[in-house]
């Protein structure tokens, strides 16, 4: 099984956005990154797509959901600032599912770092650029390896 952790695509600068940050949409570059996920993840089975409720996260996975004829579900464990415990509980529940989880840098960073401390072998240094993906493989209920895919541009 594989859990694909997607950092939301580019949404421009937080400092230039003057409304509720949860409503900040993808930039033109982010739109291209979101559409590129379709080809990037083409070789992966995906049964579920979960996301933070932030607009930029939803917009990141919507093209993939349309291409795969899947619904996008929101989960509070993927919100910016979510507790590490809540996020770990979510991935533990999904360990036997091929799923995409779209979230924010703080959540993905904490999750991948925690999993590495628990024995996950990352194929590259830990990073989580906007629009990037970590493919986390599980075997017999244990996270074993992680492969990093940098953003498409």
C-alpha atoms as a PDB file:
ATOM      1  CA  UNK A   1       0.000   0.000   0.000  1.00  0.00           C
ATOM      2  CA  UNK A   2       1.089   3.576  -0.585  1.00  0.00           C
ATOM      3  CA  UNK A   3       0.134   6.840   1.026  1.00  0.00           C
ATOM      4  CA  UNK A   4       0.976   9.791  -1.190  1.00  0.00           C
ATOM      5  CA  UNK A   5       1.592  12.966   0.820  1.00  0.00           C
ATOM      6  CA  UNK A   6       1.074  16.013  -1.371  1.00  0.00           C
ATOM      7  CA  UNK A   7       2.149  19.481  -0.275  1.00  0.00           C
ATOM      8  CA  UNK A   8      -0.321  21.936  -1.754  1.00  0.00           C
ATOM      9  CA  UNK A   9       0.880  23.552  -4.953  1.00  0.00           C
ATOM     10  CA  UNK A  10       2.092  27.138  -5.195  1.00  0.00           C
ATOM     11  CA  UNK A  11      -0.381  29.671  -3.859  1.00  0.00           C
ATOM     12  CA  UNK A  12       1.726  32.792  -4.015  1.00  0.00           C
ATOM     13  CA  UNK A  13       2.878  34.739  -1.005  1.00  0.00           C
ATOM     14  CA  UNK A  14       0.991  34.632   2.267  1.00  0.00           C
ATOM     15  CA  UNK A  15       2.171  38.186   2.990  1.00  0.00           C
ATOM     16  CA  UNK A  16       0.443  39.629  -0.087  1.00  0.00           C
ATOM     17  CA  UNK A  17      -2.887  37.900   0.627  1.00  0.00           C
ATOM     18  CA  UNK A  18      -5.153  40.133   2.718  1.00  0.00           C
ATOM     19  CA  UNK A  19      -8.171  37.888   3.297  1.00  0.00           C
ATOM     20  CA  UNK A  20      -8.609  34.718   5.354  1.00  0.00           C
ATOM     21  CA  UNK A  21      -5.535  32.605   4.562  1.00  0.00           C
ATOM     22  CA  UNK A  22      -7.695  29.471   4.334  1.00  0.00           C
ATOM     23  CA  UNK A  23      -9.245  31.032   1.230  1.00  0.00           C
ATOM     24  CA  UNK A  24      -5.946  31.719  -0.588  1.00  0.00           C
ATOM     25  CA  UNK A  25      -6.138  30.005  -4.004  1.00  0.00           C
ATOM     26  CA  UNK A  26      -3.434  28.501  -6.159  1.00  0.00           C
ATOM     27  CA  UNK A  27      -1.357  30.775  -8.351  1.00  0.00           C
ATOM     28  CA  UNK A  28      -1.065  30.185 -12.106  1.00  0.00           C
ATOM     29  CA  UNK A  29       2.096  28.171 -11.358  1.00  0.00           C
ATOM     30  CA  UNK A  30       0.156  26.196  -8.738  1.00  0.00           C
ATOM     31  CA  UNK A  31      -2.558  25.359 -11.268  1.00  0.00           C
ATOM     32  CA  UNK A  32       0.093  23.871 -13.563  1.00  0.00           C
ATOM     33  CA  UNK A  33       1.601  21.912 -10.650  1.00  0.00           C
ATOM     34  CA  UNK A  34      -1.832  20.554  -9.676  1.00  0.00           C
ATOM     35  CA  UNK A  35      -2.539  19.347 -13.207  1.00  0.00           C
ATOM     36  CA  UNK A  36       0.935  17.769 -13.379  1.00  0.00           C
ATOM     37  CA  UNK A  37       0.029  15.497 -10.442  1.00  0.00           C
ATOM     38  CA  UNK A  38      -2.170  13.483 -12.808  1.00  0.00           C
ATOM     39  CA  UNK A  39       0.835  12.268 -14.837  1.00  0.00           C
ATOM     40  CA  UNK A  40       3.222  12.170 -11.870  1.00  0.00           C
ATOM     41  CA  UNK A  41       0.985   9.773  -9.952  1.00  0.00           C
ATOM     42  CA  UNK A  42      -0.192   7.790 -12.969  1.00  0.00           C
ATOM     43  CA  UNK A  43       1.588   4.600 -11.841  1.00  0.00           C
ATOM     44  CA  UNK A  44       0.045   4.654  -8.369  1.00  0.00           C
ATOM     45  CA  UNK A  45      -3.220   3.088  -7.340  1.00  0.00           C
ATOM     46  CA  UNK A  46      -5.402   5.641  -5.563  1.00  0.00           C
ATOM     47  CA  UNK A  47      -8.583   4.659  -3.737  1.00  0.00           C
ATOM     48  CA  UNK A  48      -9.114   7.773  -1.619  1.00  0.00           C
ATOM     49  CA  UNK A  49      -8.191  11.448  -1.713  1.00  0.00           C
ATOM     50  CA  UNK A  50      -8.228  13.440   1.509  1.00  0.00           C
ATOM     51  CA  UNK A  51      -7.286  17.071   1.961  1.00  0.00           C
ATOM     52  CA  UNK A  52      -7.099  20.027   4.267  1.00  0.00           C
ATOM     53  CA  UNK A  53     -10.139  22.272   3.825  1.00  0.00           C
ATOM     54  CA  UNK A  54      -7.916  25.189   2.736  1.00  0.00           C
ATOM     55  CA  UNK A  55      -8.768  26.262  -0.830  1.00  0.00           C
ATOM     56  CA  UNK A  56      -5.212  25.798  -2.078  1.00  0.00           C
ATOM     57  CA  UNK A  57      -5.143  22.180  -0.893  1.00  0.00           C
ATOM     58  CA  UNK A  58      -8.503  21.322  -2.410  1.00  0.00           C
ATOM     59  CA  UNK A  59      -7.503  22.964  -5.697  1.00  0.00           C
ATOM     60  CA  UNK A  60      -4.272  20.960  -5.715  1.00  0.00           C
ATOM     61  CA  UNK A  61      -6.024  17.576  -5.701  1.00  0.00           C
ATOM     62  CA  UNK A  62      -9.210  18.364  -7.638  1.00  0.00           C
ATOM     63  CA  UNK A  63      -7.702  17.726 -11.112  1.00  0.00           C
ATOM     64  CA  UNK A  64      -6.385  14.361  -9.893  1.00  0.00           C
ATOM     65  CA  UNK A  65      -9.769  13.501  -8.389  1.00  0.00           C
ATOM     66  CA  UNK A  66     -11.535  14.315 -11.650  1.00  0.00           C
ATOM     67  CA  UNK A  67      -9.023  12.249 -13.647  1.00  0.00           C
ATOM     68  CA  UNK A  68      -9.501   9.271 -11.296  1.00  0.00           C
ATOM     69  CA  UNK A  69     -13.277   9.725 -10.854  1.00  0.00           C
ATOM     70  CA  UNK A  70     -12.835   9.999  -7.078  1.00  0.00           C
ATOM     71  CA  UNK A  71     -14.386  12.272  -4.479  1.00  0.00           C
ATOM     72  CA  UNK A  72     -12.246  14.585  -2.364  1.00  0.00           C
ATOM     73  CA  UNK A  73     -12.868  14.386   1.388  1.00  0.00           C
ATOM     74  CA  UNK A  74     -11.709  16.954   3.913  1.00  0.00           C
ATOM     75  CA  UNK A  75     -10.049  15.874   7.146  1.00  0.00           C
ATOM     76  CA  UNK A  76      -9.132  18.203  10.030  1.00  0.00           C
ATOM     77  CA  UNK A  77      -5.955  16.181  10.700  1.00  0.00           C
ATOM     78  CA  UNK A  78      -4.575  17.717   7.488  1.00  0.00           C
ATOM     79  CA  UNK A  79      -5.242  21.363   8.421  1.00  0.00           C
ATOM     80  CA  UNK A  80      -2.337  23.726   8.847  1.00  0.00           C
ATOM     81  CA  UNK A  81      -1.340  23.562  12.502  1.00  0.00           C
ATOM     82  CA  UNK A  82      -3.013  20.175  13.069  1.00  0.00           C
ATOM     83  CA  UNK A  83      -1.632  18.179  15.956  1.00  0.00           C
ATOM     84  CA  UNK A  84       1.024  15.614  15.118  1.00  0.00           C
ATOM     85  CA  UNK A  85      -1.001  13.047  17.044  1.00  0.00           C
ATOM     86  CA  UNK A  86      -4.123  13.612  14.912  1.00  0.00           C
ATOM     87  CA  UNK A  87      -2.137  13.343  11.692  1.00  0.00           C
ATOM     88  CA  UNK A  88      -0.364  10.165  12.858  1.00  0.00           C
ATOM     89  CA  UNK A  89      -3.709   8.636  13.819  1.00  0.00           C
ATOM     90  CA  UNK A  90      -5.071   9.440  10.352  1.00  0.00           C
ATOM     91  CA  UNK A  91      -2.171   7.802   8.505  1.00  0.00           C
ATOM     92  CA  UNK A  92      -2.331   4.812  10.853  1.00  0.00           C
ATOM     93  CA  UNK A  93      -6.028   4.357   9.940  1.00  0.00           C
ATOM     94  CA  UNK A  94      -5.198   4.640   6.241  1.00  0.00           C
ATOM     95  CA  UNK A  95      -2.193   2.327   6.299  1.00  0.00           C
ATOM     96  CA  UNK A  96      -4.099  -0.390   4.410  1.00  0.00           C
ATOM     97  CA  UNK A  97      -5.456   2.043   1.803  1.00  0.00           C
ATOM     98  CA  UNK A  98      -3.838   3.549  -1.275  1.00  0.00           C
ATOM     99  CA  UNK A  99      -4.546   7.204  -0.585  1.00  0.00           C
ATOM    100  CA  UNK A 100      -3.546  10.756  -1.423  1.00  0.00           C
ATOM    101  CA  UNK A 101      -3.340  13.192   1.490  1.00  0.00           C
ATOM    102  CA  UNK A 102      -2.936  16.875   0.649  1.00  0.00           C
ATOM    103  CA  UNK A 103      -1.727  19.154   3.393  1.00  0.00           C
ATOM    104  CA  UNK A 104       0.637  21.941   4.412  1.00  0.00           C
ATOM    105  CA  UNK A 105       4.380  22.130   4.971  1.00  0.00           C
ATOM    106  CA  UNK A 106       4.189  22.020   8.764  1.00  0.00           C
ATOM    107  CA  UNK A 107       1.999  18.917   8.772  1.00  0.00           C
ATOM    108  CA  UNK A 108       3.957  17.032   6.118  1.00  0.00           C
ATOM    109  CA  UNK A 109       7.278  17.964   7.689  1.00  0.00           C
ATOM    110  CA  UNK A 110       6.237  16.748  11.123  1.00  0.00           C
ATOM    111  CA  UNK A 111       4.699  13.552   9.735  1.00  0.00           C
ATOM    112  CA  UNK A 112       7.639  12.508   7.567  1.00  0.00           C
ATOM    113  CA  UNK A 113      10.112  13.392  10.335  1.00  0.00           C
ATOM    114  CA  UNK A 114       8.130  11.355  12.882  1.00  0.00           C
ATOM    115  CA  UNK A 115       7.911   8.376  10.552  1.00  0.00           C
ATOM    116  CA  UNK A 116      11.637   8.531   9.865  1.00  0.00           C
ATOM    117  CA  UNK A 117      12.323   8.432  13.629  1.00  0.00           C
ATOM    118  CA  UNK A 118      10.104   5.323  13.738  1.00  0.00           C
ATOM    119  CA  UNK A 119      12.187   3.556  11.086  1.00  0.00           C
ATOM    120  CA  UNK A 120      10.943   4.837   7.720  1.00  0.00           C
ATOM    121  CA  UNK A 121      13.794   4.876   5.206  1.00  0.00           C
ATOM    122  CA  UNK A 122      13.697   8.025   3.084  1.00  0.00           C
ATOM    123  CA  UNK A 123      15.406   7.755  -0.302  1.00  0.00           C
ATOM    124  CA  UNK A 124      16.461  11.412  -0.123  1.00  0.00           C
ATOM    125  CA  UNK A 125      16.880  14.226   2.358  1.00  0.00           C
ATOM    126  CA  UNK A 126      13.683  15.392   4.027  1.00  0.00           C
ATOM    127  CA  UNK A 127      12.037  18.345   2.317  1.00  0.00           C
ATOM    128  CA  UNK A 128       8.507  19.361   1.352  1.00  0.00           C
ATOM    129  CA  UNK A 129       8.423  21.994  -1.352  1.00  0.00           C
ATOM    130  CA  UNK A 130       5.081  23.316  -2.590  1.00  0.00           C
ATOM    131  CA  UNK A 131       3.694  20.879  -5.144  1.00  0.00           C
ATOM    132  CA  UNK A 132       5.943  18.006  -4.047  1.00  0.00           C
ATOM    133  CA  UNK A 133       4.933  14.457  -3.144  1.00  0.00           C
ATOM    134  CA  UNK A 134       6.217  11.860  -0.690  1.00  0.00           C
ATOM    135  CA  UNK A 135       5.254   8.281  -1.583  1.00  0.00           C
ATOM    136  CA  UNK A 136       5.173   6.303   1.669  1.00  0.00           C
ATOM    137  CA  UNK A 137       5.155   2.522   1.240  1.00  0.00           C
ATOM    138  CA  UNK A 138       3.708   0.217   3.870  1.00  0.00           C
ATOM    139  CA  UNK A 139       4.339  -3.493   4.328  1.00  0.00           C
ATOM    140  CA  UNK A 140       2.419  -5.525   6.892  1.00  0.00           C
ATOM    141  CA  UNK A 141       1.170  -2.421   8.676  1.00  0.00           C
ATOM    142  CA  UNK A 142       4.566  -0.710   8.914  1.00  0.00           C
ATOM    143  CA  UNK A 143       5.834   2.290   6.977  1.00  0.00           C
ATOM    144  CA  UNK A 144       9.007   1.073   5.287  1.00  0.00           C
ATOM    145  CA  UNK A 145      10.281   3.406   2.570  1.00  0.00           C
ATOM    146  CA  UNK A 146       9.636   6.883   1.262  1.00  0.00           C
ATOM    147  CA  UNK A 147      10.356   8.340  -2.154  1.00  0.00           C
ATOM    148  CA  UNK A 148      10.347  12.092  -2.785  1.00  0.00           C
ATOM    149  CA  UNK A 149       9.031  13.671  -5.987  1.00  0.00           C
ATOM    150  CA  UNK A 150       9.975  17.347  -6.341  1.00  0.00           C
ATOM    151  CA  UNK A 151       7.430  19.802  -7.698  1.00  0.00           C
ATOM    152  CA  UNK A 152       7.073  19.677 -11.487  1.00  0.00           C
ATOM    153  CA  UNK A 153       8.254  23.291 -11.801  1.00  0.00           C
END
